[in-house]
N, C-alpha and C. Protein backbone atom coordinates (compact mmCIF):
# COMPACT_ATOMS: atom_id res chain seq x y z
N MET A 1 -39.97 16.28 14.76
CA MET A 1 -40.17 14.58 14.15
C MET A 1 -39.53 14.68 12.82
N ALA A 2 -38.85 13.32 12.90
CA ALA A 2 -37.61 13.25 11.70
C ALA A 2 -38.96 13.01 10.62
N THR A 3 -37.76 13.76 9.57
CA THR A 3 -38.77 13.66 8.24
C THR A 3 -38.16 12.82 7.25
N ARG A 4 -38.94 12.26 6.67
CA ARG A 4 -38.93 11.13 5.71
C ARG A 4 -38.42 11.58 4.34
N LEU A 5 -37.52 10.17 4.21
CA LEU A 5 -36.69 9.86 3.01
C LEU A 5 -36.89 9.73 1.80
N THR A 6 -36.96 10.30 0.95
CA THR A 6 -37.56 9.75 -0.73
C THR A 6 -36.49 8.48 -1.15
N THR A 7 -36.68 7.81 -1.94
CA THR A 7 -36.40 7.01 -2.74
C THR A 7 -35.18 7.58 -3.63
N ARG A 8 -35.86 8.75 -3.87
CA ARG A 8 -34.72 9.53 -4.70
C ARG A 8 -33.00 9.97 -3.43
N ASP A 9 -33.56 10.53 -2.34
CA ASP A 9 -33.03 11.14 -1.68
C ASP A 9 -32.19 10.01 -1.34
N ILE A 10 -32.17 9.14 -0.65
CA ILE A 10 -32.14 7.98 -0.61
C ILE A 10 -30.58 7.56 -1.45
N LEU A 11 -31.18 7.63 -3.08
CA LEU A 11 -30.35 7.36 -4.01
C LEU A 11 -28.97 8.20 -4.49
N SER A 12 -29.39 9.69 -4.10
CA SER A 12 -28.48 10.44 -4.34
C SER A 12 -27.08 10.81 -3.39
N ARG A 13 -27.95 9.87 -1.73
CA ARG A 13 -27.15 9.89 -0.69
C ARG A 13 -26.35 8.45 -1.31
N LEU A 14 -26.66 7.57 -1.75
CA LEU A 14 -25.83 6.47 -1.97
C LEU A 14 -24.84 6.81 -3.39
N GLU A 15 -25.06 7.66 -3.97
CA GLU A 15 -24.15 8.09 -4.98
C GLU A 15 -23.27 8.59 -5.06
N LYS A 16 -23.75 9.77 -3.26
CA LYS A 16 -22.45 10.86 -2.93
C LYS A 16 -21.03 9.79 -2.39
N HIS A 17 -22.02 8.89 -1.46
CA HIS A 17 -21.18 7.92 -0.59
C HIS A 17 -20.05 6.98 -1.68
N GLU A 18 -20.89 6.57 -2.86
CA GLU A 18 -20.09 5.24 -3.59
C GLU A 18 -18.61 6.56 -4.41
N ASP A 19 -18.75 7.67 -4.61
CA ASP A 19 -18.11 8.21 -5.39
C ASP A 19 -16.74 8.44 -3.65
N GLU A 20 -17.32 9.02 -2.86
CA GLU A 20 -16.15 9.47 -1.72
C GLU A 20 -15.59 8.15 -1.89
N CYS A 21 -16.24 7.05 -1.81
CA CYS A 21 -15.89 5.74 -1.44
C CYS A 21 -14.61 5.49 -2.60
N THR A 22 -14.76 5.31 -4.02
CA THR A 22 -13.87 5.98 -4.99
C THR A 22 -12.68 6.39 -5.08
N ILE A 23 -12.86 7.51 -4.52
CA ILE A 23 -11.56 8.66 -4.13
C ILE A 23 -10.98 7.93 -3.12
N ARG A 24 -11.39 7.32 -2.18
CA ARG A 24 -10.88 7.38 -0.81
C ARG A 24 -10.18 6.48 -1.40
N TYR A 25 -10.44 4.55 -1.89
CA TYR A 25 -9.79 3.16 -2.29
C TYR A 25 -8.82 3.64 -3.40
N GLU A 26 -8.92 4.68 -4.37
CA GLU A 26 -8.04 5.22 -5.11
C GLU A 26 -6.35 5.62 -4.59
N ASN A 27 -6.91 6.50 -3.74
CA ASN A 27 -5.98 6.81 -2.57
C ASN A 27 -4.89 5.81 -2.17
N ILE A 28 -6.12 5.00 -1.45
CA ILE A 28 -5.58 4.15 -0.90
C ILE A 28 -4.55 2.95 -1.74
N GLN A 29 -4.76 2.77 -2.86
CA GLN A 29 -4.30 2.24 -4.01
C GLN A 29 -2.73 3.04 -4.24
N ARG A 30 -2.97 4.25 -4.54
CA ARG A 30 -1.74 4.91 -4.92
C ARG A 30 -1.09 4.72 -3.28
N GLN A 31 -0.99 4.81 -2.14
CA GLN A 31 -0.12 4.58 -1.13
C GLN A 31 0.63 3.30 -1.44
N LEU A 32 -0.20 2.17 -1.40
CA LEU A 32 0.20 0.67 -1.69
C LEU A 32 0.94 0.27 -2.69
N ASP A 33 0.90 1.31 -4.02
CA ASP A 33 1.86 1.05 -4.81
C ASP A 33 3.12 1.83 -4.34
N SER A 34 3.28 2.99 -3.49
CA SER A 34 3.87 3.69 -3.38
C SER A 34 5.24 3.08 -2.26
N GLN A 35 4.28 2.47 -1.32
CA GLN A 35 4.96 1.45 -0.33
C GLN A 35 5.54 0.33 -0.87
N LYS A 36 4.96 -0.42 -2.23
CA LYS A 36 5.61 -1.50 -2.48
C LYS A 36 6.94 -0.83 -3.24
N LYS A 37 6.89 0.40 -4.09
CA LYS A 37 8.29 0.43 -4.45
C LYS A 37 9.30 0.46 -3.39
N VAL A 38 9.52 1.23 -2.17
CA VAL A 38 9.43 1.22 -1.16
C VAL A 38 10.92 0.02 -0.81
N ILE A 39 9.51 -1.93 -0.27
CA ILE A 39 9.87 -2.62 0.00
C ILE A 39 10.74 -3.37 -0.97
N ASP A 40 10.84 -2.98 -2.43
CA ASP A 40 11.49 -3.55 -3.52
C ASP A 40 12.46 -2.93 -3.21
N ARG A 41 12.74 -1.80 -3.43
CA ARG A 41 14.21 -0.87 -2.95
C ARG A 41 15.31 -1.75 -1.70
N MET A 42 13.94 -2.55 -0.77
CA MET A 42 15.14 -2.47 0.77
C MET A 42 15.21 -3.82 0.50
N GLN A 43 14.55 -5.05 -0.23
CA GLN A 43 14.81 -6.32 -0.39
C GLN A 43 15.46 -6.55 -1.39
N LEU A 44 16.13 -5.35 -2.80
CA LEU A 44 16.72 -5.62 -3.47
C LEU A 44 18.04 -5.09 -2.59
N MET A 45 18.14 -4.22 -1.39
CA MET A 45 19.71 -3.59 -0.97
C MET A 45 19.93 -5.33 0.20
N LEU A 46 18.88 -6.13 0.45
CA LEU A 46 19.27 -6.88 1.83
C LEU A 46 19.69 -8.17 0.78
N TRP A 47 19.62 -8.58 -0.22
CA TRP A 47 19.82 -9.42 -0.89
C TRP A 47 21.67 -8.96 -2.13
N SER A 48 21.67 -7.76 -2.28
CA SER A 48 22.70 -7.19 -2.40
C SER A 48 23.97 -7.68 -1.74
N MET A 49 23.73 -7.25 0.19
CA MET A 49 24.29 -7.67 1.17
C MET A 49 24.82 -9.20 1.18
N TYR A 50 24.51 -10.19 0.96
CA TYR A 50 24.49 -11.27 0.93
C TYR A 50 26.03 -12.25 0.40
N PRO A 51 26.34 -11.50 -0.84
CA PRO A 51 27.65 -11.77 -0.90
C PRO A 51 28.97 -11.42 -0.31
N PHE A 52 28.72 -10.08 0.27
CA PHE A 52 29.53 -9.41 1.04
C PHE A 52 29.33 -10.02 2.35
N ILE A 53 28.01 -10.77 3.43
CA ILE A 53 28.41 -11.75 4.59
C ILE A 53 28.61 -13.04 4.18
N LEU A 54 28.82 -13.52 3.27
CA LEU A 54 29.23 -14.83 3.02
C LEU A 54 30.74 -14.57 2.51
N ALA A 55 30.95 -13.74 1.74
CA ALA A 55 32.26 -13.50 1.67
C ALA A 55 33.32 -13.05 2.59
N SER A 56 32.41 -12.34 3.84
CA SER A 56 33.22 -11.95 5.90
C SER A 56 33.24 -13.13 6.22
N LEU A 57 32.44 -13.93 6.00
CA LEU A 57 32.10 -15.48 6.87
C LEU A 57 33.82 -16.09 6.57
N ALA A 58 33.90 -16.09 4.99
CA ALA A 58 34.59 -17.26 3.96
C ALA A 58 35.75 -16.71 4.43
N PHE A 59 36.25 -15.43 4.60
CA PHE A 59 37.51 -14.76 4.77
C PHE A 59 38.14 -15.07 6.32
N ALA A 60 36.94 -14.88 7.36
CA ALA A 60 37.28 -15.09 8.32
C ALA A 60 37.94 -16.39 8.86
N ASN A 61 37.21 -17.61 8.37
CA ASN A 61 37.32 -18.77 8.52
C ASN A 61 38.61 -18.93 7.80
N TYR A 62 38.99 -19.15 7.06
CA TYR A 62 40.29 -19.44 5.58
C TYR A 62 40.82 -18.56 5.40
N GLY A 63 40.91 -17.21 6.16
CA GLY A 63 41.58 -16.21 5.05
C GLY A 63 42.58 -16.12 6.46
């Protein structure tokens, strides 16, 4: 036979669940912040390549 949960038990479980979710979401946010730094760095490298590409095209056509 199943045991009946009291309101206090349910509240305790809910609070524990909320604490675990808070930790989980903090970890997700930390990972997203880390990935944003990598993406920003890659974007900077990509933008820094454009002048060289344009210069190479100009040199190939007019040089």
